[in-house]
Amino acid sequence: MDSKSPKLEEELGEDRISQMPDDVLVRILSLLDDTVLAVQTTILSKRWNNLWTSISSIRLDYDDESDDRIMTIVERVVSLHDSSDILKFHITYHNQGSRDDMVADDYTRIHRCICTVVQHNVVELHLSLWNSSDADQTSLFLFPESLFMCKTLVDLKVDSNSISFSNCPIEGCFPSLKVLSVDVEESDEDSPGSLENLFTCCPLLEDLTIFGGVISQSNIKISAPELKTLRMEYSDSYSNVLFINAPKLENFDLLDNFSLPNEFVFENGKSLIEVNLRLHRSFDVDDLDADDLASRAVALFAQISNVENLSLSLQGLNASYLPQFVNLSRLMLVLHDFNYWEFLIECLKRCPNLKHLVLKHEDNEWRSREDELGWEFLNPQERPACLVSHLQTVSIEGFKGQRDEMEVAEFLLKNGEVLNTVSIHTVSVGLLYTKKEIYRKLLTYERGSRSCVILAD
């Protein structure tokens, strides 16, 4: 057997990583999901001993299964960093009971680390601190004052059950912050206005996400002159008022799964372009709460009536709550079993200039003829105006071939006089017929527009 040439052996044994310049290796180490792995590269050779002290991204995780030395490593990684910038600092600390007696000390270490990364011009800070319910909840984590005044911080994400914002300044904090995400449980140590301070003192904030317990206070004001995107998600049942003063707000996304949604007051709502509402009413609401729910829903919808793009999932809510959306061009509608046909028709009636319609089917079951009257029982004079003069495209997602789905497609094809395309997107599991059978059936339906093309996949 011929032996390999010396040149080939040299090529096969070549250490290309070691030939890379230091700045490239540092960049590679910065991309690791866990910075502890970057520190461990020191065992490779002397050249690697100090490379990790120059990384621009630090990511560290601690939970009950982690080595107890992790917290020491956390502090060492930050304190021994060279003079270069630390652009990203992500730290996750989840104590489920094993370090109950060490939480206060651990929080002090994390506090020092944040002070250090601020000095290194941190741009992105993600902080996840969760303490066990049996731990001493008086040991709350307070943000360093230097963080509030950090001029380089652009992206801040916080989720915790043990963070207090009671030391948040009334004004002048986070001068460069553009992206903020907050998911914290309410703390008794917080002053009533501390969170409001957080949402009203960021002059450049453009993207705000708020989850659950943050909204448990009776009234909260969000005031951000540059805010463009606001996302809110409720994880508990609260009844309060949210005042939103954001003259440049373009996108609003709300998920509320509770029986009595909060009241929203948009002080400048005309700038809204795209809204996504997922409001799911509980069916155990008494009549009094239902009336209150209706008035709040009507008030919310009225404030978003100028939007151009709208996504709606209103399970258990009546379409009569909706206003006229005269500027609406695109509607994405999630259809649930509750008042299926009535909801669809009423929505279309309220969108006279609609051009693009997307329908999604969720939790829909097979209906017998007695369950609900179909479109053929609709008075022709009640046909939605958008079908006659504006609706150009229809897309139906999650299609199974059920009777009600086929009726929706038939109704839209027959009554859409300016339709260009109707696209049917079938599910991968649960089809009642083959895709070819569904497509052939669709081709037999009468079309109000001669140029309409049916697409099915």
Protein backbone atom coordinates (compact mmCIF):
# COMPACT_ATOMS: atom_id res chain seq x y z
CA MET A 1 0.00 0.00 0.00
CA ASP A 2 1.48 3.33 -1.05
CA SER A 3 2.39 5.66 1.77
CA LYS A 4 1.06 9.24 1.81
CA SER A 5 3.34 11.95 0.52
CA PRO A 6 4.94 14.27 3.11
CA LYS A 7 3.02 17.18 1.57
CA LEU A 8 -0.32 15.38 2.00
CA GLU A 9 0.48 14.47 5.61
CA GLU A 10 1.36 18.08 6.28
CA GLU A 11 -1.94 19.23 4.82
CA LEU A 12 -3.97 16.70 6.81
CA GLY A 13 -2.27 17.60 10.06
CA GLU A 14 -2.44 21.34 9.56
CA ASP A 15 -3.99 23.26 12.48
CA ARG A 16 -5.94 25.92 10.62
CA ILE A 17 -7.60 27.30 13.78
CA SER A 18 -4.24 28.15 15.32
CA GLN A 19 -3.31 30.02 12.15
CA MET A 20 -6.26 32.38 12.53
CA PRO A 21 -5.53 35.87 13.90
CA ASP A 22 -6.48 36.62 17.49
CA ASP A 23 -9.36 38.92 16.56
CA VAL A 24 -11.03 36.13 14.56
CA LEU A 25 -10.63 33.63 17.42
CA VAL A 26 -12.04 36.15 19.88
CA ARG A 27 -15.04 36.64 17.61
CA ILE A 28 -15.61 32.87 17.49
CA LEU A 29 -15.44 32.63 21.29
CA SER A 30 -17.92 35.50 21.56
CA LEU A 31 -20.48 33.46 19.61
CA LEU A 32 -20.51 30.57 22.12
CA ASP A 33 -23.80 30.11 23.97
CA ASP A 34 -22.01 29.68 27.30
CA THR A 35 -18.97 31.81 28.12
CA VAL A 36 -17.70 29.12 30.53
CA LEU A 37 -16.79 27.13 27.41
CA ALA A 38 -14.74 30.06 26.18
CA VAL A 39 -12.80 30.13 29.48
CA GLN A 40 -12.13 26.40 29.20
CA THR A 41 -10.23 26.92 25.93
CA THR A 42 -7.24 28.00 28.06
CA ILE A 43 -6.27 24.31 28.29
CA LEU A 44 -5.57 24.20 24.53
CA SER A 45 -2.29 26.13 24.60
CA LYS A 46 -0.63 29.18 26.13
CA ARG A 47 -1.85 31.28 23.22
CA TRP A 48 -5.45 30.74 24.37
CA ASN A 49 -4.82 31.80 27.99
CA ASN A 50 -6.04 35.35 27.60
CA LEU A 51 -8.18 35.28 24.47
CA TRP A 52 -11.39 34.95 26.48
CA THR A 53 -10.65 38.22 28.29
CA SER A 54 -11.34 40.07 25.04
CA ILE A 55 -14.68 38.53 24.05
CA SER A 56 -17.43 41.03 23.26
CA SER A 57 -20.36 38.82 24.33
CA ILE A 58 -20.72 37.17 27.73
CA ARG A 59 -23.46 34.57 28.33
CA LEU A 60 -23.68 32.72 31.63
CA ASP A 61 -26.37 30.37 33.01
CA TYR A 62 -26.86 29.13 36.56
CA ASP A 63 -29.48 26.75 37.94
CA ASP A 64 -29.68 24.14 40.68
CA GLU A 65 -27.81 21.59 38.56
CA SER A 66 -24.90 23.95 37.84
CA ASP A 67 -21.49 23.78 39.45
CA ASP A 68 -21.36 25.94 42.59
CA ARG A 69 -18.25 27.59 41.16
CA ILE A 70 -20.28 29.16 38.34
CA MET A 71 -20.97 32.34 40.31
CA THR A 72 -17.25 32.73 40.98
CA ILE A 73 -16.54 32.21 37.29
CA VAL A 74 -19.18 34.81 36.43
CA GLU A 75 -17.45 37.46 38.48
CA ARG A 76 -13.98 36.40 37.28
CA VAL A 77 -14.94 36.56 33.60
CA VAL A 78 -16.22 40.12 33.97
CA SER A 79 -13.63 41.49 36.37
CA LEU A 80 -10.64 40.16 34.37
CA HIS A 81 -11.92 41.41 31.03
CA ASP A 82 -9.46 43.64 29.21
CA SER A 83 -10.16 47.23 28.23
CA SER A 84 -12.19 46.32 25.12
CA ASP A 85 -15.97 46.74 25.01
CA ILE A 86 -18.43 44.14 26.31
CA LEU A 87 -21.25 44.63 23.85
CA LYS A 88 -23.57 41.87 25.12
CA PHE A 89 -24.10 40.59 28.65
CA HIS A 90 -26.68 37.81 29.19
CA ILE A 91 -27.01 36.21 32.60
CA THR A 92 -29.56 33.64 33.76
CA TYR A 93 -29.83 32.81 37.47
CA HIS A 94 -32.58 30.36 38.46
CA ASN A 95 -32.52 29.18 42.10
CA GLN A 96 -35.03 26.45 42.94
CA GLY A 97 -33.94 26.08 46.55
CA SER A 98 -30.37 24.81 46.57
CA ARG A 99 -28.86 28.27 47.20
CA ASP A 100 -31.53 29.91 49.37
CA ASP A 101 -28.90 30.98 51.87
CA MET A 102 -26.65 32.37 49.12
CA VAL A 103 -29.12 34.41 47.05
CA ALA A 104 -28.26 37.78 48.62
CA ASP A 105 -24.55 37.17 48.08
CA ASP A 106 -25.12 35.98 44.50
CA TYR A 107 -27.20 39.08 43.74
CA THR A 108 -24.39 41.26 45.09
CA ARG A 109 -21.98 39.57 42.67
CA ILE A 110 -24.36 40.05 39.74
CA HIS A 111 -24.77 43.69 40.77
CA ARG A 112 -20.99 44.18 40.62
CA CYS A 113 -20.85 42.47 37.21
CA ILE A 114 -23.46 44.84 35.79
CA CYS A 115 -21.54 47.84 37.14
CA THR A 116 -18.45 46.53 35.34
CA VAL A 117 -20.12 45.87 31.98
CA VAL A 118 -21.57 49.38 32.09
CA GLN A 119 -18.00 50.65 32.30
CA HIS A 120 -17.25 48.51 29.25
CA ASN A 121 -19.96 50.24 27.18
CA VAL A 122 -22.52 47.44 27.21
CA VAL A 123 -25.09 47.66 24.40
CA GLU A 124 -27.33 44.64 25.08
CA LEU A 125 -28.21 43.38 28.58
CA HIS A 126 -30.48 40.40 29.22
CA LEU A 127 -31.12 39.57 32.87
CA SER A 128 -33.18 36.58 34.05
CA LEU A 129 -33.36 36.20 37.85
CA TRP A 130 -35.78 33.70 39.39
CA ASN A 131 -35.76 32.73 43.04
CA SER A 132 -37.61 29.84 44.71
CA SER A 133 -40.86 30.65 46.53
CA ASP A 134 -39.31 29.44 49.80
CA ALA A 135 -36.40 31.83 49.58
CA ASP A 136 -36.13 35.11 51.45
CA GLN A 137 -38.07 37.49 49.25
CA THR A 138 -36.68 40.50 51.11
CA SER A 139 -33.44 39.91 49.20
CA LEU A 140 -34.56 41.74 46.08
CA PHE A 141 -32.25 42.72 43.29
CA LEU A 142 -31.86 46.46 42.66
CA PHE A 143 -30.42 47.77 39.42
CA PRO A 144 -27.19 49.73 39.82
CA GLU A 145 -27.75 53.46 39.42
CA SER A 146 -25.01 53.48 36.79
CA LEU A 147 -27.17 51.22 34.59
CA PHE A 148 -30.06 53.69 34.58
CA MET A 149 -27.65 56.35 33.32
CA CYS A 150 -25.76 54.14 30.86
CA LYS A 151 -25.31 56.00 27.58
CA THR A 152 -24.46 52.94 25.47
CA LEU A 153 -27.29 50.55 26.48
CA VAL A 154 -29.69 50.02 23.56
CA ASP A 155 -31.39 46.67 24.33
CA LEU A 156 -32.61 45.63 27.81
CA LYS A 157 -34.54 42.44 28.60
CA VAL A 158 -35.57 41.63 32.17
CA ASP A 159 -37.58 38.67 33.48
CA SER A 160 -37.67 37.96 37.20
CA ASN A 161 -39.70 37.38 40.35
CA SER A 162 -37.15 39.12 42.56
CA ILE A 163 -36.29 42.44 40.94
CA SER A 164 -37.41 45.77 42.34
CA PHE A 165 -37.59 48.99 40.35
CA SER A 166 -38.08 51.15 43.43
CA ASN A 167 -34.81 53.00 42.73
CA CYS A 168 -35.79 53.88 39.16
CA PRO A 169 -35.25 57.63 38.62
CA ILE A 170 -38.24 59.83 37.86
CA GLU A 171 -36.59 61.16 34.72
CA GLY A 172 -33.43 61.04 32.65
CA CYS A 173 -32.71 57.30 32.71
CA PHE A 174 -31.73 54.99 29.84
CA PRO A 175 -30.81 57.86 27.49
CA SER A 176 -30.03 55.54 24.52
CA LEU A 177 -32.39 52.61 25.15
CA LYS A 178 -34.43 51.57 22.08
CA VAL A 179 -35.63 48.04 22.94
CA LEU A 180 -37.14 47.10 26.33
CA SER A 181 -38.77 43.82 27.40
CA VAL A 182 -40.08 43.44 30.95
CA ASP A 183 -41.57 40.30 32.53
CA VAL A 184 -41.51 40.67 36.30
CA GLU A 185 -43.79 39.72 39.15
CA GLU A 186 -45.03 42.58 41.27
CA SER A 187 -42.99 43.25 44.39
CA ASP A 188 -44.43 44.68 47.60
CA GLU A 189 -41.19 46.62 47.89
CA ASP A 190 -41.93 48.57 44.72
CA SER A 191 -43.40 52.01 45.07
CA PRO A 192 -46.63 52.44 43.07
CA GLY A 193 -44.98 54.68 40.49
CA SER A 194 -41.67 52.88 40.03
CA LEU A 195 -42.71 50.89 36.96
CA GLU A 196 -44.44 53.91 35.52
CA ASN A 197 -41.14 55.75 35.87
CA LEU A 198 -39.54 52.98 33.84
CA PHE A 199 -42.09 53.39 31.02
CA THR A 200 -42.01 57.17 30.89
CA CYS A 201 -38.34 58.14 31.10
CA CYS A 202 -36.78 56.51 28.01
CA PRO A 203 -36.56 59.29 25.38
CA LEU A 204 -35.45 57.04 22.47
CA LEU A 205 -37.48 53.88 23.21
CA GLU A 206 -38.87 52.34 20.00
CA ASP A 207 -39.84 48.77 20.95
CA LEU A 208 -41.56 47.83 24.23
CA THR A 209 -42.76 44.39 25.37
CA ILE A 210 -44.64 43.96 28.66
CA PHE A 211 -45.73 40.67 30.21
CA GLY A 212 -48.07 39.64 33.01
CA GLY A 213 -47.39 40.87 36.51
CA VAL A 214 -45.97 44.18 35.35
CA ILE A 215 -49.53 45.28 34.60
CA SER A 216 -50.97 44.38 38.00
CA GLN A 217 -50.92 47.93 39.28
CA SER A 218 -54.25 49.77 39.14
CA ASN A 219 -53.15 52.37 36.58
CA ILE A 220 -50.04 52.53 34.44
CA LYS A 221 -48.93 55.20 32.01
CA ILE A 222 -46.68 54.51 29.06
CA SER A 223 -45.21 57.66 27.62
CA ALA A 224 -42.56 57.31 24.91
CA PRO A 225 -42.25 59.91 22.15
CA GLU A 226 -40.34 57.56 19.77
CA LEU A 227 -42.21 54.30 20.52
CA LYS A 228 -43.16 52.41 17.33
CA THR A 229 -43.99 48.89 18.57
CA LEU A 230 -45.86 47.88 21.74
CA ARG A 231 -46.53 44.26 22.74
CA MET A 232 -48.55 43.28 25.81
CA GLU A 233 -49.39 39.84 27.15
CA TYR A 234 -51.48 39.12 30.23
CA SER A 235 -50.72 36.15 32.46
CA ASP A 236 -53.18 36.90 35.25
CA SER A 237 -56.55 38.55 35.73
CA TYR A 238 -56.20 42.27 36.38
CA SER A 239 -58.61 45.15 36.05
CA ASN A 240 -56.83 48.42 35.49
CA VAL A 241 -56.40 51.32 33.11
CA LEU A 242 -53.41 51.76 30.83
CA PHE A 243 -52.74 55.18 29.38
CA ILE A 244 -50.59 55.01 26.26
CA ASN A 245 -49.06 58.23 24.99
CA ALA A 246 -46.98 57.30 21.95
CA PRO A 247 -47.54 59.68 19.02
CA LYS A 248 -45.37 57.54 16.67
CA LEU A 249 -46.83 54.14 17.62
CA GLU A 250 -47.34 52.02 14.49
CA ASN A 251 -47.64 48.43 15.77
CA PHE A 252 -49.74 47.17 18.70
CA ASP A 253 -49.89 43.50 19.74
CA LEU A 254 -52.16 42.38 22.60
CA LEU A 255 -52.84 38.93 24.06
CA ASP A 256 -55.47 38.83 26.80
CA ASN A 257 -56.88 35.47 27.90
CA PHE A 258 -59.04 36.72 30.73
CA SER A 259 -62.65 37.36 31.36
CA LEU A 260 -62.29 41.08 31.95
CA PRO A 261 -59.63 42.80 29.87
CA ASN A 262 -57.97 45.99 30.94
CA GLU A 263 -59.09 49.37 29.72
CA PHE A 264 -56.78 50.99 27.19
CA VAL A 265 -56.60 54.70 26.52
CA PHE A 266 -54.56 55.74 23.49
CA GLU A 267 -53.84 59.42 23.80
CA ASN A 268 -52.46 59.41 20.24
CA GLY A 269 -53.95 56.44 18.40
CA LYS A 270 -54.15 57.79 14.85
CA SER A 271 -50.56 56.77 14.06
CA LEU A 272 -51.38 53.04 14.37
CA ILE A 273 -50.86 51.05 11.16
CA GLU A 274 -50.81 47.39 12.25
CA VAL A 275 -52.69 45.82 15.18
CA ASN A 276 -52.79 42.20 16.39
CA LEU A 277 -55.51 41.44 18.96
CA ARG A 278 -55.98 38.06 20.61
CA LEU A 279 -58.83 38.50 23.10
CA HIS A 280 -60.27 35.28 24.48
CA ARG A 281 -63.24 35.62 26.80
CA SER A 282 -63.89 33.05 29.54
CA PHE A 283 -67.37 31.56 29.40
CA ASP A 284 -67.91 31.75 33.17
CA VAL A 285 -68.39 35.54 33.07
CA ASP A 286 -71.65 36.70 34.67
CA ASP A 287 -73.96 39.14 32.88
CA LEU A 288 -72.63 42.19 34.71
CA ASP A 289 -69.04 41.43 33.78
CA ALA A 290 -70.13 40.66 30.23
CA ASP A 291 -71.65 44.15 29.92
CA ASP A 292 -68.45 45.69 31.25
CA LEU A 293 -66.46 43.54 28.85
CA ALA A 294 -68.55 44.75 25.92
CA SER A 295 -68.09 48.42 26.77
CA ARG A 296 -64.33 48.01 27.16
CA ALA A 297 -64.03 46.03 23.94
CA VAL A 298 -66.03 48.63 22.01
CA ALA A 299 -63.84 51.41 23.43
CA LEU A 300 -60.63 49.57 22.47
CA PHE A 301 -61.77 48.78 18.93
CA ALA A 302 -62.91 52.36 18.36
CA GLN A 303 -59.37 53.59 19.07
CA ILE A 304 -57.81 51.32 16.44
CA SER A 305 -60.39 51.86 13.69
CA ASN A 306 -57.92 53.72 11.44
CA VAL A 307 -55.44 50.84 11.05
CA GLU A 308 -54.42 49.47 7.65
CA ASN A 309 -53.43 45.93 8.78
CA LEU A 310 -55.42 44.01 11.41
CA SER A 311 -55.15 40.53 12.92
CA LEU A 312 -58.08 39.34 15.04
CA SER A 313 -58.63 36.30 17.23
CA LEU A 314 -61.73 37.07 19.31
CA GLN A 315 -62.83 33.79 20.82
CA GLY A 316 -66.14 34.21 22.61
CA LEU A 317 -66.53 37.86 21.65
CA ASN A 318 -69.30 39.21 19.44
CA ALA A 319 -68.43 40.80 16.10
CA SER A 320 -70.97 43.52 16.85
CA TYR A 321 -68.30 45.10 19.07
CA LEU A 322 -66.30 45.99 15.97
CA PRO A 323 -66.45 49.46 14.37
CA GLN A 324 -66.12 50.32 10.68
CA PHE A 325 -62.50 49.88 9.51
CA VAL A 326 -62.62 52.18 6.49
CA ASN A 327 -58.82 52.26 5.98
CA LEU A 328 -58.27 48.54 6.44
CA SER A 329 -56.42 46.92 3.54
CA ARG A 330 -55.36 43.57 5.04
CA LEU A 331 -57.27 41.43 7.57
CA MET A 332 -56.05 38.22 9.18
CA LEU A 333 -58.95 36.52 10.92
CA VAL A 334 -58.74 33.48 13.21
CA LEU A 335 -62.03 31.58 13.00
CA HIS A 336 -63.17 29.69 16.08
CA ASP A 337 -66.27 27.53 16.54
CA PHE A 338 -68.10 30.27 18.40
CA ASN A 339 -70.55 32.07 16.02
CA TYR A 340 -68.40 31.00 13.10
CA TRP A 341 -70.38 32.29 10.13
CA GLU A 342 -71.89 35.28 11.86
CA PHE A 343 -68.45 36.44 12.96
CA LEU A 344 -66.93 36.11 9.48
CA ILE A 345 -69.73 37.94 7.68
CA GLU A 346 -69.95 40.73 10.26
CA CYS A 347 -66.19 41.29 10.09
CA LEU A 348 -66.28 41.57 6.30
CA LYS A 349 -69.19 44.01 6.46
CA ARG A 350 -67.09 46.29 8.65
CA CYS A 351 -64.18 46.36 6.18
CA PRO A 352 -65.61 48.01 3.04
CA ASN A 353 -62.22 48.65 1.39
CA LEU A 354 -60.53 45.36 2.28
CA LYS A 355 -58.09 44.09 -0.39
CA HIS A 356 -56.40 41.09 1.25
CA LEU A 357 -58.02 38.50 3.52
CA VAL A 358 -56.24 35.72 5.44
CA LEU A 359 -58.34 33.13 7.30
CA LYS A 360 -56.98 30.73 9.89
CA HIS A 361 -58.96 27.84 11.34
CA GLU A 362 -58.43 26.89 14.98
CA ASP A 363 -60.27 24.36 17.14
CA ASN A 364 -62.93 23.90 14.49
CA GLU A 365 -65.01 20.73 14.60
CA TRP A 366 -67.25 19.15 12.00
CA ARG A 367 -70.66 20.80 11.92
CA SER A 368 -73.94 19.21 11.06
CA ARG A 369 -76.51 21.24 9.11
CA GLU A 370 -78.42 21.95 12.32
CA ASP A 371 -75.43 23.55 14.03
CA GLU A 372 -75.43 26.74 12.05
CA LEU A 373 -76.88 28.24 8.90
CA GLY A 374 -74.39 28.56 6.09
CA TRP A 375 -73.81 31.36 3.61
CA GLU A 376 -76.58 30.21 1.30
CA PHE A 377 -79.07 31.54 3.87
CA LEU A 378 -77.51 35.00 3.71
CA ASN A 379 -79.69 37.70 2.17
CA PRO A 380 -77.97 38.75 -1.10
CA GLN A 381 -78.56 42.39 -0.17
CA GLU A 382 -76.43 41.85 2.93
CA ARG A 383 -73.39 40.80 0.95
CA PRO A 384 -70.27 42.61 2.29
CA ALA A 385 -69.30 45.54 0.05
CA CYS A 386 -65.61 44.60 -0.05
CA LEU A 387 -66.46 41.44 -2.00
CA VAL A 388 -68.00 43.45 -4.80
CA SER A 389 -65.35 46.10 -5.38
CA HIS A 390 -62.10 45.65 -3.45
CA LEU A 391 -61.15 42.15 -2.26
CA GLN A 392 -58.31 40.88 -4.47
CA THR A 393 -56.69 37.97 -2.60
CA VAL A 394 -57.88 35.34 -0.15
CA SER A 395 -55.66 32.90 1.73
CA ILE A 396 -57.15 30.14 3.89
CA GLU A 397 -54.70 28.41 6.24
CA GLY A 398 -55.06 25.20 8.24
CA PHE A 399 -57.53 23.82 5.71
CA LYS A 400 -58.85 20.29 6.42
CA GLY A 401 -61.67 20.01 3.91
CA GLN A 402 -64.48 20.23 6.49
CA ARG A 403 -67.93 21.25 5.34
CA ASP A 404 -67.79 24.73 6.85
CA GLU A 405 -64.34 25.36 5.35
CA MET A 406 -65.54 24.32 1.91
CA GLU A 407 -68.56 26.60 2.31
CA VAL A 408 -66.33 29.55 3.17
CA ALA A 409 -64.25 28.96 0.05
CA GLU A 410 -67.40 28.56 -2.08
CA PHE A 411 -68.94 31.75 -0.68
CA LEU A 412 -65.83 33.84 -1.30
CA LEU A 413 -65.30 32.46 -4.81
CA LYS A 414 -68.89 33.10 -5.83
CA ASN A 415 -69.23 36.58 -4.34
CA GLY A 416 -65.71 37.97 -4.84
CA GLU A 417 -66.20 39.91 -8.07
CA VAL A 418 -62.65 41.33 -8.31
CA LEU A 419 -60.72 38.40 -6.85
CA ASN A 420 -57.36 37.60 -8.41
CA THR A 421 -56.30 34.58 -6.32
CA VAL A 422 -57.73 32.24 -3.69
CA SER A 423 -54.99 30.22 -1.99
CA ILE A 424 -55.81 27.13 0.06
CA HIS A 425 -53.14 25.86 2.45
CA THR A 426 -54.00 22.40 3.74
CA VAL A 427 -52.79 20.84 6.99
CA SER A 428 -50.23 18.04 6.93
CA VAL A 429 -52.24 15.88 9.35
CA GLY A 430 -56.01 15.48 9.66
CA LEU A 431 -57.14 16.02 6.06
CA LEU A 432 -60.59 14.60 5.38
CA TYR A 433 -59.84 14.25 1.67
CA THR A 434 -56.72 14.15 -0.45
CA LYS A 435 -55.30 17.47 -1.64
CA LYS A 436 -56.19 16.51 -5.21
CA GLU A 437 -59.82 15.80 -4.24
CA ILE A 438 -60.09 19.15 -2.46
CA TYR A 439 -58.63 21.00 -5.42
CA ARG A 440 -61.00 19.29 -7.87
CA LYS A 441 -63.97 20.21 -5.69
CA LEU A 442 -62.87 23.84 -5.51
CA LEU A 443 -62.66 23.99 -9.31
CA THR A 444 -66.37 23.11 -9.56
CA TYR A 445 -67.44 26.19 -7.58
CA GLU A 446 -68.90 29.20 -9.38
CA ARG A 447 -66.58 32.19 -9.54
CA GLY A 448 -67.67 35.81 -9.47
CA SER A 449 -64.40 36.90 -11.05
CA ARG A 450 -63.36 35.39 -14.36
CA SER A 451 -59.69 36.17 -13.69
CA CYS A 452 -59.63 34.43 -10.31
CA VAL A 453 -57.02 31.70 -9.96
CA ILE A 454 -57.33 28.92 -7.37
CA LEU A 455 -54.09 27.76 -5.74
CA ALA A 456 -53.95 24.78 -3.41
CA ASP A 457 -51.02 23.12 -1.63
